[in-house]
C-alpha atoms as a PDB file:
ATOM      1  CA  MET A   1       8.379 -10.949   1.174  1.00  0.00           C
ATOM      2  CA  GLY A   2      11.842 -11.755  -0.110  1.00  0.00           C
ATOM      3  CA  GLU A   3      11.546 -15.504   0.391  1.00  0.00           C
ATOM      4  CA  GLU A   4       9.877 -18.128  -1.809  1.00  0.00           C
ATOM      5  CA  GLY A   5       6.128 -17.503  -1.832  1.00  0.00           C
ATOM      6  CA  GLY A   6       6.730 -13.870  -0.959  1.00  0.00           C
ATOM      7  CA  PHE A   7       4.295 -12.553  -3.555  1.00  0.00           C
ATOM      8  CA  GLU A   8       1.428 -14.060  -1.538  1.00  0.00           C
ATOM      9  CA  VAL A   9       2.768 -12.274   1.547  1.00  0.00           C
ATOM     10  CA  ILE A  10       2.890  -9.033  -0.453  1.00  0.00           C
ATOM     11  CA  LYS A  11      -0.736  -9.475  -1.543  1.00  0.00           C
ATOM     12  CA  LYS A  12      -1.778 -10.038   2.093  1.00  0.00           C
ATOM     13  CA  ALA A  13       0.121  -6.899   3.122  1.00  0.00           C
ATOM     14  CA  ILE A  14      -1.619  -4.953   0.357  1.00  0.00           C
ATOM     15  CA  LEU A  15      -5.012  -6.204   1.529  1.00  0.00           C
ATOM     16  CA  ASN A  16      -4.218  -5.050   5.068  1.00  0.00           C
ATOM     17  CA  LEU A  17      -2.958  -1.692   3.811  1.00  0.00           C
ATOM     18  CA  SER A  18      -6.122  -1.193   1.756  1.00  0.00           C
ATOM     19  CA  LEU A  19      -8.256  -1.722   4.865  1.00  0.00           C
ATOM     20  CA  ARG A  20      -6.426   1.045   6.750  1.00  0.00           C
ATOM     21  CA  HIS A  21      -5.798   3.487   3.882  1.00  0.00           C
ATOM     22  CA  GLU A  22      -7.624   6.443   5.421  1.00  0.00           C
ATOM     23  CA  GLU A  23      -5.961   5.922   8.790  1.00  0.00           C
ATOM     24  CA  HIS A  24      -2.487   5.800   7.209  1.00  0.00           C
ATOM     25  CA  ILE A  25      -3.105   8.927   5.124  1.00  0.00           C
ATOM     26  CA  GLY A  26      -4.555  10.824   8.073  1.00  0.00           C
ATOM     27  CA  THR A  27      -1.912  10.043  10.658  1.00  0.00           C
ATOM     28  CA  SER A  28       1.494   9.705   9.155  1.00  0.00           C
ATOM     29  CA  TYR A  29       2.207  11.023   5.690  1.00  0.00           C
ATOM     30  CA  GLY A  30       2.906  14.679   6.427  1.00  0.00           C
ATOM     31  CA  GLU A  31       1.193  17.916   5.568  1.00  0.00           C
ATOM     32  CA  GLY A  32       0.324  18.971   2.052  1.00  0.00           C
ATOM     33  CA  ASN A  33      -0.376  15.533   0.646  1.00  0.00           C
ATOM     34  CA  GLY A  34      -3.803  16.631  -0.568  1.00  0.00           C
ATOM     35  CA  ARG A  35      -2.103  19.040  -2.960  1.00  0.00           C
ATOM     36  CA  ARG A  36       0.471  16.476  -4.100  1.00  0.00           C
ATOM     37  CA  LEU A  37      -1.560  13.261  -4.345  1.00  0.00           C
ATOM     38  CA  THR A  38      -3.918  14.269  -7.120  1.00  0.00           C
ATOM     39  CA  GLY A  39      -3.792  11.157  -9.286  1.00  0.00           C
ATOM     40  CA  GLN A  40      -1.776  13.040 -11.897  1.00  0.00           C
ATOM     41  CA  HIS A  41       1.949  13.214 -12.611  1.00  0.00           C
ATOM     42  CA  GLU A  42       2.731   9.680 -11.391  1.00  0.00           C
ATOM     43  CA  THR A  43       0.916  10.084  -8.075  1.00  0.00           C
ATOM     44  CA  ALA A  44      -1.981   8.190  -6.557  1.00  0.00           C
ATOM     45  CA  ASN A  45      -5.223   9.934  -5.669  1.00  0.00           C
ATOM     46  CA  ILE A  46      -5.246  10.583  -1.928  1.00  0.00           C
ATOM     47  CA  ASP A  47      -8.839   9.329  -1.581  1.00  0.00           C
ATOM     48  CA  THR A  48      -8.386   6.012  -3.394  1.00  0.00           C
ATOM     49  CA  PHE A  49      -6.246   3.017  -2.503  1.00  0.00           C
ATOM     50  CA  SER A  50      -4.702   1.253  -5.484  1.00  0.00           C
ATOM     51  CA  TRP A  51      -1.883  -1.092  -6.325  1.00  0.00           C
ATOM     52  CA  VAL A  52      -0.515  -2.539  -9.510  1.00  0.00           C
ATOM     53  CA  VAL A  53       2.606  -4.073 -10.968  1.00  0.00           C
ATOM     54  CA  ALA A  54       5.019  -1.513 -12.461  1.00  0.00           C
ATOM     55  CA  ASN A  55       2.959   1.668 -12.260  1.00  0.00           C
ATOM     56  CA  ARG A  56       4.057   4.673 -10.236  1.00  0.00           C
ATOM     57  CA  GLY A  57       0.590   6.219 -10.389  1.00  0.00           C
ATOM     58  CA  CYS A  58      -0.818   4.072  -7.601  1.00  0.00           C
ATOM     59  CA  SER A  59      -0.687   3.892  -3.811  1.00  0.00           C
ATOM     60  CA  PHE A  60       1.608   0.863  -3.732  1.00  0.00           C
ATOM     61  CA  ARG A  61       3.745  -0.394  -6.590  1.00  0.00           C
ATOM     62  CA  VAL A  62       5.123  -3.873  -7.079  1.00  0.00           C
ATOM     63  CA  GLY A  63       8.018  -4.176  -9.502  1.00  0.00           C
ATOM     64  CA  HIS A  64       8.157  -6.420 -12.564  1.00  0.00           C
ATOM     65  CA  ASN A  65      10.930  -8.516 -11.030  1.00  0.00           C
ATOM     66  CA  THR A  66       8.944  -9.050  -7.841  1.00  0.00           C
ATOM     67  CA  LYS A  67       5.985 -10.357  -9.845  1.00  0.00           C
ATOM     68  CA  ARG A  68       8.200 -12.431 -12.139  1.00  0.00           C
ATOM     69  CA  GLN A  69      10.238 -13.991  -9.323  1.00  0.00           C
ATOM     70  CA  GLY A  70       7.262 -14.404  -6.995  1.00  0.00           C
ATOM     71  CA  LYS A  71       9.086 -12.561  -4.207  1.00  0.00           C
ATOM     72  CA  GLY A  72      10.595  -9.164  -3.526  1.00  0.00           C
ATOM     73  CA  TYR A  73       9.195  -5.907  -2.225  1.00  0.00           C
ATOM     74  CA  LEU A  74       6.548  -3.248  -2.645  1.00  0.00           C
ATOM     75  CA  GLU A  75       6.914   0.548  -2.701  1.00  0.00           C
ATOM     76  CA  ASP A  76       4.705   3.072  -0.948  1.00  0.00           C
ATOM     77  CA  GLY A  77       3.938   6.058  -3.179  1.00  0.00           C
ATOM     78  CA  HIS A  78       2.534   8.322  -0.457  1.00  0.00           C
ATOM     79  CA  PRO A  79       5.340   9.715   1.738  1.00  0.00           C
ATOM     80  CA  VAL A  80       6.628  13.251   1.387  1.00  0.00           C
ATOM     81  CA  SER A  81       9.740  14.836   2.850  1.00  0.00           C
ATOM     82  CA  ASN A  82       7.904  16.059   5.948  1.00  0.00           C
ATOM     83  CA  MET A  83       6.457  12.667   6.854  1.00  0.00           C
ATOM     84  CA  LYS A  84       7.101  11.174  10.258  1.00  0.00           C
ATOM     85  CA  PRO A  85       9.364   8.232   9.322  1.00  0.00           C
ATOM     86  CA  TYR A  86       9.095   6.370  12.623  1.00  0.00           C
ATOM     87  CA  VAL A  87       5.320   6.727  12.657  1.00  0.00           C
ATOM     88  CA  VAL A  88       5.038   5.533   9.028  1.00  0.00           C
ATOM     89  CA  THR A  89       7.377   2.591   9.617  1.00  0.00           C
ATOM     90  CA  SER A  90       5.587   1.608  12.828  1.00  0.00           C
ATOM     91  CA  LEU A  91       2.153   1.831  11.209  1.00  0.00           C
ATOM     92  CA  HIS A  92       3.313  -0.166   8.184  1.00  0.00           C
ATOM     93  CA  ALA A  93       4.811  -2.883  10.404  1.00  0.00           C
ATOM     94  CA  GLU A  94       1.703  -3.102  12.545  1.00  0.00           C
ATOM     95  CA  THR A  95      -0.570  -3.187   9.488  1.00  0.00           C
ATOM     96  CA  THR A  96       1.394  -5.632   7.338  1.00  0.00           C
ATOM     97  CA  ILE A  97       3.021  -7.954   9.880  1.00  0.00           C
ATOM     98  CA  ILE A  98       0.961  -7.976  13.059  1.00  0.00           C
ATOM     99  CA  ARG A  99      -2.616  -7.242  12.013  1.00  0.00           C
ATOM    100  CA  GLU A 100      -4.950 -10.027  10.949  1.00  0.00           C
ATOM    101  CA  PRO A 101      -8.074  -8.627   9.290  1.00  0.00           C
ATOM    102  CA  THR A 102     -11.472 -10.073  10.126  1.00  0.00           C
ATOM    103  CA  LEU A 103     -13.358 -12.115   7.542  1.00  0.00           C
ATOM    104  CA  GLU A 104     -15.798  -9.231   7.156  1.00  0.00           C
ATOM    105  CA  ALA A 105     -12.962  -6.823   6.421  1.00  0.00           C
ATOM    106  CA  LYS A 106     -11.493  -9.224   3.877  1.00  0.00           C
ATOM    107  CA  ALA A 107     -14.850  -9.549   2.129  1.00  0.00           C
ATOM    108  CA  LEU A 108     -15.324  -5.775   2.079  1.00  0.00           C
ATOM    109  CA  ALA A 109     -11.839  -5.204   0.700  1.00  0.00           C
ATOM    110  CA  ALA A 110     -12.249  -7.893  -1.946  1.00  0.00           C
ATOM    111  CA  HIS A 111     -15.517  -6.315  -3.024  1.00  0.00           C
ATOM    112  CA  LYS A 112     -14.318  -2.712  -3.254  1.00  0.00           C
ATOM    113  CA  LEU A 113     -10.659  -3.173  -4.186  1.00  0.00           C
ATOM    114  CA  ALA A 114      -9.856  -4.149  -7.753  1.00  0.00           C
ATOM    115  CA  LEU A 115      -6.572  -6.022  -7.501  1.00  0.00           C
ATOM    116  CA  LYS A 116      -4.596  -5.569 -10.710  1.00  0.00           C
ATOM    117  CA  VAL A 117      -1.970  -8.279 -10.926  1.00  0.00           C
END
């Protein structure tokens, strides 16, 4: 993500994350997220996956500099203090690095996920 062409890698990671949103929310982000992730007060709605450049009110945020430079990082807006950090890190790595979605999953995600770049 931090190398040349990294923004394309970030978009692929976001696609993969969108396909496993419910699984990530249900297994690793700690208790009480339903009360916190309401879609208000710079939080994402727990039931909806979203991403955008420079907006803290979404599931994953990409900074202005990352977009401008075409490389960088993304931020996960879900975790709370009681999350399981090793579980979250492991699930993120498996989802964004190892997993290759099927063509059907890509088509489904492209249809239902409005990518705001």
